[in-house]
């Protein structure tokens, strides 16, 4: 399922209290930007995956390589494709599938710069400040 980057989030509208924009909802039918990303982005995305929202039963496969994705990073293993993450920017909340980690790491997806700046500028996901932002944005 493809939602253009920075378009209004409509996938699970009950999972967004504040206005929210899409990032990283990729599929095999659409081109997407690729390249290198800031070296600090992937660890932040991983930490957000550890605190995902809108978790559901079952597991989505990667629409780009058609695999179930289980990732080990920093000695922790997660099955991706079961939830979403939130990134908090100054003017927007960004919703992304937890597969975003895989898309960046293995498919070289390059998220929009405004998203990258938000991810690197927000409170770290393990902090109480991030938990408060998450509580204010997701029921």
N, C-alpha and C. Protein backbone atom coordinates (compact mmCIF):
# COMPACT_ATOMS: atom_id res chain seq x y z
N UNK A 1 0.85 -1.16 0.00
CA UNK A 1 0.00 0.00 0.00
C UNK A 1 0.89 1.22 0.00
N UNK A 2 0.71 2.08 -0.94
CA UNK A 2 1.56 3.26 -1.10
C UNK A 2 0.78 4.51 -0.74
N UNK A 3 1.35 5.29 0.15
CA UNK A 3 0.85 6.62 0.45
C UNK A 3 2.02 7.56 0.18
N UNK A 4 1.81 8.60 -0.60
CA UNK A 4 2.93 9.50 -0.90
C UNK A 4 3.50 10.13 0.37
N UNK A 5 4.81 10.28 0.38
CA UNK A 5 5.46 10.94 1.51
C UNK A 5 4.86 12.32 1.72
N UNK A 6 4.63 12.66 2.97
CA UNK A 6 4.12 13.95 3.45
C UNK A 6 2.66 14.20 3.10
N UNK A 7 1.95 13.15 2.64
CA UNK A 7 0.51 13.27 2.43
C UNK A 7 -0.20 13.04 3.77
N UNK A 8 -1.45 13.50 3.89
CA UNK A 8 -2.17 13.29 5.16
C UNK A 8 -2.33 11.80 5.47
N UNK A 9 -2.12 11.46 6.72
CA UNK A 9 -2.24 10.08 7.19
C UNK A 9 -3.71 9.69 7.26
N UNK A 10 -4.08 8.63 6.55
CA UNK A 10 -5.46 8.16 6.54
C UNK A 10 -5.57 6.65 6.75
N UNK A 11 -4.45 5.96 6.91
CA UNK A 11 -4.46 4.50 6.98
C UNK A 11 -5.27 4.00 8.18
N UNK A 12 -5.00 4.48 9.35
CA UNK A 12 -5.73 4.14 10.56
C UNK A 12 -6.03 5.45 11.29
N UNK A 13 -7.02 6.19 10.82
CA UNK A 13 -7.25 7.53 11.36
C UNK A 13 -7.50 7.55 12.87
N UNK A 14 -7.99 6.48 13.44
CA UNK A 14 -8.20 6.44 14.89
C UNK A 14 -6.88 6.39 15.65
N UNK A 15 -5.79 6.14 14.93
CA UNK A 15 -4.48 6.08 15.56
C UNK A 15 -3.75 7.42 15.48
N UNK A 16 -4.47 8.49 15.17
CA UNK A 16 -3.85 9.81 15.06
C UNK A 16 -4.77 10.86 15.65
N UNK A 17 -4.41 11.35 16.82
CA UNK A 17 -5.17 12.41 17.45
C UNK A 17 -4.81 13.75 16.81
N UNK A 18 -3.51 13.97 16.62
CA UNK A 18 -3.04 15.20 16.00
C UNK A 18 -2.89 14.99 14.49
N UNK A 19 -2.95 16.08 13.71
CA UNK A 19 -2.71 15.93 12.27
C UNK A 19 -1.37 15.23 12.02
N UNK A 20 -1.41 14.27 11.13
CA UNK A 20 -0.26 13.40 10.92
C UNK A 20 -0.03 13.21 9.43
N UNK A 21 1.26 13.08 9.05
CA UNK A 21 1.63 12.90 7.65
C UNK A 21 2.34 11.57 7.46
N UNK A 22 2.21 11.02 6.27
CA UNK A 22 2.82 9.73 5.92
C UNK A 22 4.28 9.88 5.53
N UNK A 23 5.05 8.88 5.87
CA UNK A 23 6.43 8.74 5.38
C UNK A 23 6.73 7.25 5.29
N UNK A 24 7.28 6.84 4.17
CA UNK A 24 7.79 5.48 4.04
C UNK A 24 6.78 4.38 3.78
N UNK A 25 5.61 4.72 3.28
CA UNK A 25 4.62 3.68 2.94
C UNK A 25 4.89 3.29 1.49
N UNK A 26 5.80 2.35 1.29
CA UNK A 26 6.30 2.01 -0.05
C UNK A 26 5.63 0.75 -0.58
N UNK A 27 5.66 0.62 -1.90
CA UNK A 27 5.30 -0.65 -2.51
C UNK A 27 6.09 -0.82 -3.80
N UNK A 28 5.99 -2.01 -4.37
CA UNK A 28 6.80 -2.37 -5.53
C UNK A 28 6.40 -1.65 -6.81
N UNK A 29 5.25 -1.03 -6.83
CA UNK A 29 4.75 -0.40 -8.05
C UNK A 29 5.21 1.04 -8.23
N UNK A 30 5.78 1.63 -7.19
CA UNK A 30 6.13 3.05 -7.24
C UNK A 30 7.62 3.26 -6.99
N UNK A 31 8.16 4.21 -7.71
CA UNK A 31 9.55 4.61 -7.46
C UNK A 31 9.61 5.35 -6.13
N UNK A 32 10.76 5.31 -5.50
CA UNK A 32 10.97 6.06 -4.27
C UNK A 32 12.43 6.53 -4.26
N UNK A 33 12.69 7.63 -3.54
CA UNK A 33 14.05 8.15 -3.51
C UNK A 33 14.99 7.21 -2.74
N UNK A 34 16.20 7.06 -3.26
CA UNK A 34 17.20 6.23 -2.60
C UNK A 34 18.47 7.05 -2.41
N UNK A 35 19.30 6.58 -1.53
CA UNK A 35 20.57 7.24 -1.27
C UNK A 35 21.04 6.91 0.13
N UNK A 36 22.01 7.68 0.57
CA UNK A 36 22.51 7.48 1.92
C UNK A 36 21.76 8.41 2.86
N UNK A 37 21.67 8.00 4.10
CA UNK A 37 21.01 8.82 5.12
C UNK A 37 22.00 9.11 6.23
N UNK A 38 21.68 10.09 7.02
CA UNK A 38 22.50 10.45 8.17
C UNK A 38 22.75 9.20 9.01
N UNK A 39 23.98 8.99 9.44
CA UNK A 39 24.33 7.78 10.19
C UNK A 39 23.58 7.64 11.51
N UNK A 40 23.06 8.73 12.02
CA UNK A 40 22.33 8.68 13.29
C UNK A 40 20.85 8.37 13.12
N UNK A 41 20.35 8.35 11.88
CA UNK A 41 18.93 8.12 11.67
C UNK A 41 18.51 6.69 12.00
N UNK A 42 19.23 5.71 11.51
CA UNK A 42 18.82 4.32 11.70
C UNK A 42 18.68 3.94 13.18
N UNK A 43 19.60 4.32 14.06
CA UNK A 43 19.39 4.00 15.49
C UNK A 43 18.14 4.65 16.07
N UNK A 44 17.80 5.85 15.63
CA UNK A 44 16.57 6.50 16.12
C UNK A 44 15.34 5.74 15.63
N UNK A 45 15.35 5.36 14.36
CA UNK A 45 14.22 4.60 13.81
C UNK A 45 14.09 3.27 14.56
N UNK A 46 15.21 2.61 14.85
CA UNK A 46 15.16 1.35 15.60
C UNK A 46 14.51 1.56 16.96
N UNK A 47 14.93 2.59 17.67
CA UNK A 47 14.35 2.86 18.99
C UNK A 47 12.85 3.14 18.89
N UNK A 48 12.43 3.81 17.83
CA UNK A 48 10.99 4.04 17.62
C UNK A 48 10.28 2.71 17.35
N UNK A 49 10.93 1.82 16.61
CA UNK A 49 10.33 0.50 16.36
C UNK A 49 10.15 -0.28 17.66
N UNK A 50 11.01 -0.04 18.63
CA UNK A 50 10.89 -0.70 19.93
C UNK A 50 9.68 -0.17 20.70
N UNK A 51 9.15 0.98 20.26
CA UNK A 51 7.99 1.61 20.91
C UNK A 51 6.88 1.87 19.90
N UNK A 52 6.65 0.91 19.04
CA UNK A 52 5.69 1.10 17.95
C UNK A 52 4.26 1.21 18.46
N UNK A 53 3.43 1.73 17.59
CA UNK A 53 2.01 1.93 17.89
C UNK A 53 1.19 1.20 16.83
N UNK A 54 -0.13 1.19 17.02
CA UNK A 54 -1.04 0.56 16.07
C UNK A 54 -0.61 -0.87 15.74
N UNK A 55 -0.12 -1.56 16.75
CA UNK A 55 0.35 -2.94 16.56
C UNK A 55 -0.85 -3.84 16.31
N UNK A 56 -0.69 -4.74 15.37
CA UNK A 56 -1.77 -5.64 15.00
C UNK A 56 -1.24 -7.07 14.96
N UNK A 57 -2.15 -7.99 14.97
CA UNK A 57 -1.76 -9.40 14.87
C UNK A 57 -1.33 -9.70 13.45
N UNK A 58 -0.55 -10.72 13.31
CA UNK A 58 -0.07 -11.07 11.98
C UNK A 58 1.15 -10.25 11.65
N UNK A 59 1.61 -10.41 10.44
CA UNK A 59 2.84 -9.73 10.04
C UNK A 59 2.78 -9.44 8.54
N UNK A 60 3.02 -8.20 8.17
CA UNK A 60 3.07 -7.84 6.76
C UNK A 60 4.45 -8.19 6.21
N UNK A 61 4.48 -8.58 4.98
CA UNK A 61 5.77 -8.81 4.33
C UNK A 61 6.23 -7.52 3.67
N UNK A 62 7.51 -7.44 3.40
CA UNK A 62 8.04 -6.31 2.66
C UNK A 62 7.51 -6.37 1.25
N UNK A 63 6.89 -5.31 0.80
CA UNK A 63 6.31 -5.28 -0.55
C UNK A 63 7.38 -5.11 -1.63
N UNK A 64 8.61 -4.86 -1.23
CA UNK A 64 9.69 -4.68 -2.20
C UNK A 64 10.44 -5.98 -2.47
N UNK A 65 10.64 -6.79 -1.42
CA UNK A 65 11.37 -8.05 -1.60
C UNK A 65 10.53 -9.28 -1.24
N UNK A 66 9.28 -9.05 -0.83
CA UNK A 66 8.33 -10.12 -0.54
C UNK A 66 8.79 -11.09 0.55
N UNK A 67 9.52 -10.57 1.53
CA UNK A 67 9.98 -11.39 2.64
C UNK A 67 9.34 -10.96 3.95
N UNK A 68 9.18 -11.92 4.86
CA UNK A 68 8.88 -11.57 6.24
C UNK A 68 10.18 -11.03 6.82
N UNK A 69 10.07 -10.00 7.61
CA UNK A 69 11.27 -9.32 8.05
C UNK A 69 11.45 -9.47 9.56
N UNK A 70 12.51 -10.16 9.93
CA UNK A 70 12.94 -10.25 11.32
C UNK A 70 14.35 -9.67 11.34
N UNK A 71 14.55 -8.63 12.15
CA UNK A 71 15.82 -7.91 12.14
C UNK A 71 16.45 -7.96 13.52
N UNK A 72 17.75 -8.23 13.54
CA UNK A 72 18.51 -8.11 14.77
C UNK A 72 19.42 -6.90 14.62
N UNK A 73 19.32 -6.01 15.60
CA UNK A 73 20.09 -4.77 15.59
C UNK A 73 20.39 -4.44 17.04
N UNK A 74 21.62 -4.07 17.33
CA UNK A 74 22.00 -3.74 18.71
C UNK A 74 21.61 -4.87 19.68
N UNK A 75 21.80 -6.11 19.25
CA UNK A 75 21.54 -7.31 20.06
C UNK A 75 20.07 -7.49 20.45
N UNK A 76 19.17 -6.84 19.73
CA UNK A 76 17.74 -7.02 19.94
C UNK A 76 17.13 -7.47 18.62
N UNK A 77 16.13 -8.34 18.69
CA UNK A 77 15.48 -8.84 17.48
C UNK A 77 14.02 -8.43 17.48
N UNK A 78 13.57 -7.94 16.35
CA UNK A 78 12.16 -7.57 16.17
C UNK A 78 11.66 -8.15 14.87
N UNK A 79 10.41 -8.58 14.87
CA UNK A 79 9.72 -8.91 13.63
C UNK A 79 9.02 -7.64 13.20
N UNK A 80 9.40 -7.13 12.05
CA UNK A 80 8.81 -5.91 11.53
C UNK A 80 7.61 -6.24 10.65
N UNK A 81 6.78 -5.25 10.44
CA UNK A 81 5.58 -5.45 9.63
C UNK A 81 4.35 -5.64 10.49
N UNK A 82 4.46 -5.27 11.77
CA UNK A 82 3.33 -5.46 12.68
C UNK A 82 2.80 -4.17 13.28
N UNK A 83 3.45 -3.05 13.00
CA UNK A 83 3.01 -1.81 13.63
C UNK A 83 3.53 -0.59 12.89
N UNK A 84 3.39 0.53 13.56
CA UNK A 84 3.79 1.82 13.01
C UNK A 84 4.67 2.54 14.02
N UNK A 85 5.39 3.53 13.54
CA UNK A 85 6.17 4.40 14.42
C UNK A 85 5.71 5.84 14.22
N UNK A 86 6.04 6.69 15.18
CA UNK A 86 5.74 8.11 15.08
C UNK A 86 7.02 8.90 15.30
N UNK A 87 7.18 9.92 14.48
CA UNK A 87 8.27 10.88 14.59
C UNK A 87 7.63 12.25 14.77
N UNK A 88 8.19 13.04 15.67
CA UNK A 88 7.59 14.33 16.04
C UNK A 88 8.45 15.49 15.56
N UNK A 89 7.90 16.23 14.60
CA UNK A 89 8.56 17.42 14.10
C UNK A 89 7.94 18.67 14.69
N UNK A 90 8.48 19.82 14.34
CA UNK A 90 7.95 21.09 14.85
C UNK A 90 6.55 21.36 14.33
N UNK A 91 6.30 21.02 13.06
CA UNK A 91 5.00 21.35 12.47
C UNK A 91 4.17 20.14 12.09
N UNK A 92 4.68 18.95 12.34
CA UNK A 92 3.93 17.75 11.94
C UNK A 92 4.35 16.55 12.78
N UNK A 93 3.43 15.60 12.87
CA UNK A 93 3.73 14.26 13.37
C UNK A 93 3.80 13.39 12.12
N UNK A 94 4.78 12.50 12.06
CA UNK A 94 4.95 11.64 10.90
C UNK A 94 4.65 10.20 11.31
N UNK A 95 3.84 9.52 10.49
CA UNK A 95 3.50 8.11 10.70
C UNK A 95 4.21 7.29 9.63
N UNK A 96 4.86 6.23 10.07
CA UNK A 96 5.56 5.35 9.14
C UNK A 96 5.35 3.91 9.59
N UNK A 97 5.36 2.97 8.64
CA UNK A 97 5.31 1.57 9.04
C UNK A 97 6.62 1.21 9.74
N UNK A 98 6.58 0.24 10.65
CA UNK A 98 7.83 -0.15 11.29
C UNK A 98 8.80 -0.78 10.28
N UNK A 99 8.31 -1.17 9.13
CA UNK A 99 9.18 -1.65 8.05
C UNK A 99 10.12 -0.55 7.53
N UNK A 100 9.90 0.68 7.95
CA UNK A 100 10.78 1.78 7.54
C UNK A 100 12.24 1.45 7.83
N UNK A 101 12.49 0.82 8.97
CA UNK A 101 13.86 0.43 9.31
C UNK A 101 14.45 -0.43 8.20
N UNK A 102 13.73 -1.44 7.79
CA UNK A 102 14.16 -2.34 6.71
C UNK A 102 14.31 -1.59 5.39
N UNK A 103 13.35 -0.73 5.08
CA UNK A 103 13.41 0.02 3.82
C UNK A 103 14.67 0.87 3.73
N UNK A 104 15.03 1.50 4.83
CA UNK A 104 16.24 2.33 4.83
C UNK A 104 17.49 1.46 4.78
N UNK A 105 17.53 0.43 5.63
CA UNK A 105 18.73 -0.39 5.74
C UNK A 105 18.99 -1.23 4.49
N UNK A 106 17.97 -1.86 3.95
CA UNK A 106 18.19 -2.83 2.86
C UNK A 106 17.82 -2.32 1.48
N UNK A 107 16.86 -1.42 1.39
CA UNK A 107 16.44 -0.93 0.08
C UNK A 107 16.92 0.49 -0.19
N UNK A 108 17.66 1.06 0.76
CA UNK A 108 18.29 2.38 0.62
C UNK A 108 17.29 3.51 0.42
N UNK A 109 16.06 3.30 0.93
CA UNK A 109 15.05 4.36 0.88
C UNK A 109 15.58 5.60 1.60
N UNK A 110 15.36 6.73 0.99
CA UNK A 110 15.78 8.00 1.56
C UNK A 110 14.54 8.82 1.92
N UNK A 111 14.22 8.90 3.21
CA UNK A 111 13.04 9.66 3.63
C UNK A 111 13.22 11.15 3.35
N UNK A 112 12.12 11.90 3.34
CA UNK A 112 12.23 13.34 3.12
C UNK A 112 13.10 14.00 4.19
N UNK A 113 13.81 15.03 3.80
CA UNK A 113 14.72 15.72 4.71
C UNK A 113 14.01 16.26 5.95
N UNK A 114 12.78 16.76 5.78
CA UNK A 114 12.04 17.29 6.92
C UNK A 114 11.78 16.19 7.95
N UNK A 115 11.56 14.98 7.50
CA UNK A 115 11.37 13.83 8.39
C UNK A 115 12.68 13.49 9.11
N UNK A 116 13.77 13.48 8.38
CA UNK A 116 15.08 13.16 8.97
C UNK A 116 15.42 14.18 10.05
N UNK A 117 15.22 15.46 9.74
CA UNK A 117 15.50 16.51 10.74
C UNK A 117 14.62 16.34 11.97
N UNK A 118 13.36 15.99 11.76
CA UNK A 118 12.45 15.78 12.89
C UNK A 118 12.93 14.59 13.74
N UNK A 119 13.30 13.50 13.09
CA UNK A 119 13.74 12.30 13.81
C UNK A 119 14.98 12.59 14.65
N UNK A 120 15.90 13.34 14.08
CA UNK A 120 17.14 13.63 14.79
C UNK A 120 16.98 14.74 15.82
N UNK A 121 15.90 15.52 15.72
CA UNK A 121 15.69 16.63 16.64
C UNK A 121 14.69 16.36 17.74
N UNK A 122 13.93 15.28 17.64
CA UNK A 122 12.91 14.97 18.65
C UNK A 122 13.57 14.38 19.89
N UNK A 123 12.83 14.31 21.00
CA UNK A 123 13.36 13.61 22.17
C UNK A 123 13.63 12.15 21.82
N UNK A 124 14.63 11.58 22.42
CA UNK A 124 14.95 10.18 22.15
C UNK A 124 13.78 9.29 22.59
N UNK A 125 13.49 8.24 21.83
CA UNK A 125 12.31 7.41 22.09
C UNK A 125 12.25 6.74 23.46
N UNK A 126 13.34 6.60 24.16
CA UNK A 126 13.31 5.96 25.47
C UNK A 126 13.03 6.96 26.60
N UNK A 127 12.82 8.24 26.26
CA UNK A 127 12.61 9.25 27.30
C UNK A 127 11.13 9.44 27.63
N UNK A 128 10.89 9.99 28.79
CA UNK A 128 9.53 10.33 29.20
C UNK A 128 8.94 11.40 28.32
N UNK A 129 9.78 12.29 27.81
CA UNK A 129 9.30 13.36 26.92
C UNK A 129 8.73 12.77 25.63
N UNK A 130 9.41 11.77 25.07
CA UNK A 130 8.90 11.10 23.87
C UNK A 130 7.59 10.37 24.20
N UNK A 131 7.55 9.69 25.35
CA UNK A 131 6.33 8.96 25.75
C UNK A 131 5.15 9.93 25.88
N UNK A 132 5.39 11.14 26.38
CA UNK A 132 4.32 12.13 26.50
C UNK A 132 3.87 12.59 25.12
N UNK A 133 4.81 12.80 24.20
CA UNK A 133 4.44 13.17 22.83
C UNK A 133 3.62 12.06 22.19
N UNK A 134 4.03 10.84 22.39
CA UNK A 134 3.32 9.68 21.82
C UNK A 134 1.90 9.62 22.39
N UNK A 135 1.76 9.83 23.68
CA UNK A 135 0.44 9.81 24.31
C UNK A 135 -0.46 10.93 23.79
N UNK A 136 0.15 12.06 23.40
CA UNK A 136 -0.64 13.19 22.90
C UNK A 136 -1.03 13.01 21.44
N UNK A 137 -0.41 12.05 20.75
CA UNK A 137 -0.64 11.89 19.32
C UNK A 137 -1.36 10.60 18.93
N UNK A 138 -1.31 9.60 19.80
CA UNK A 138 -1.89 8.29 19.49
C UNK A 138 -2.77 7.85 20.65
N UNK A 139 -4.03 7.48 20.36
CA UNK A 139 -4.91 7.03 21.46
C UNK A 139 -4.45 5.72 22.08
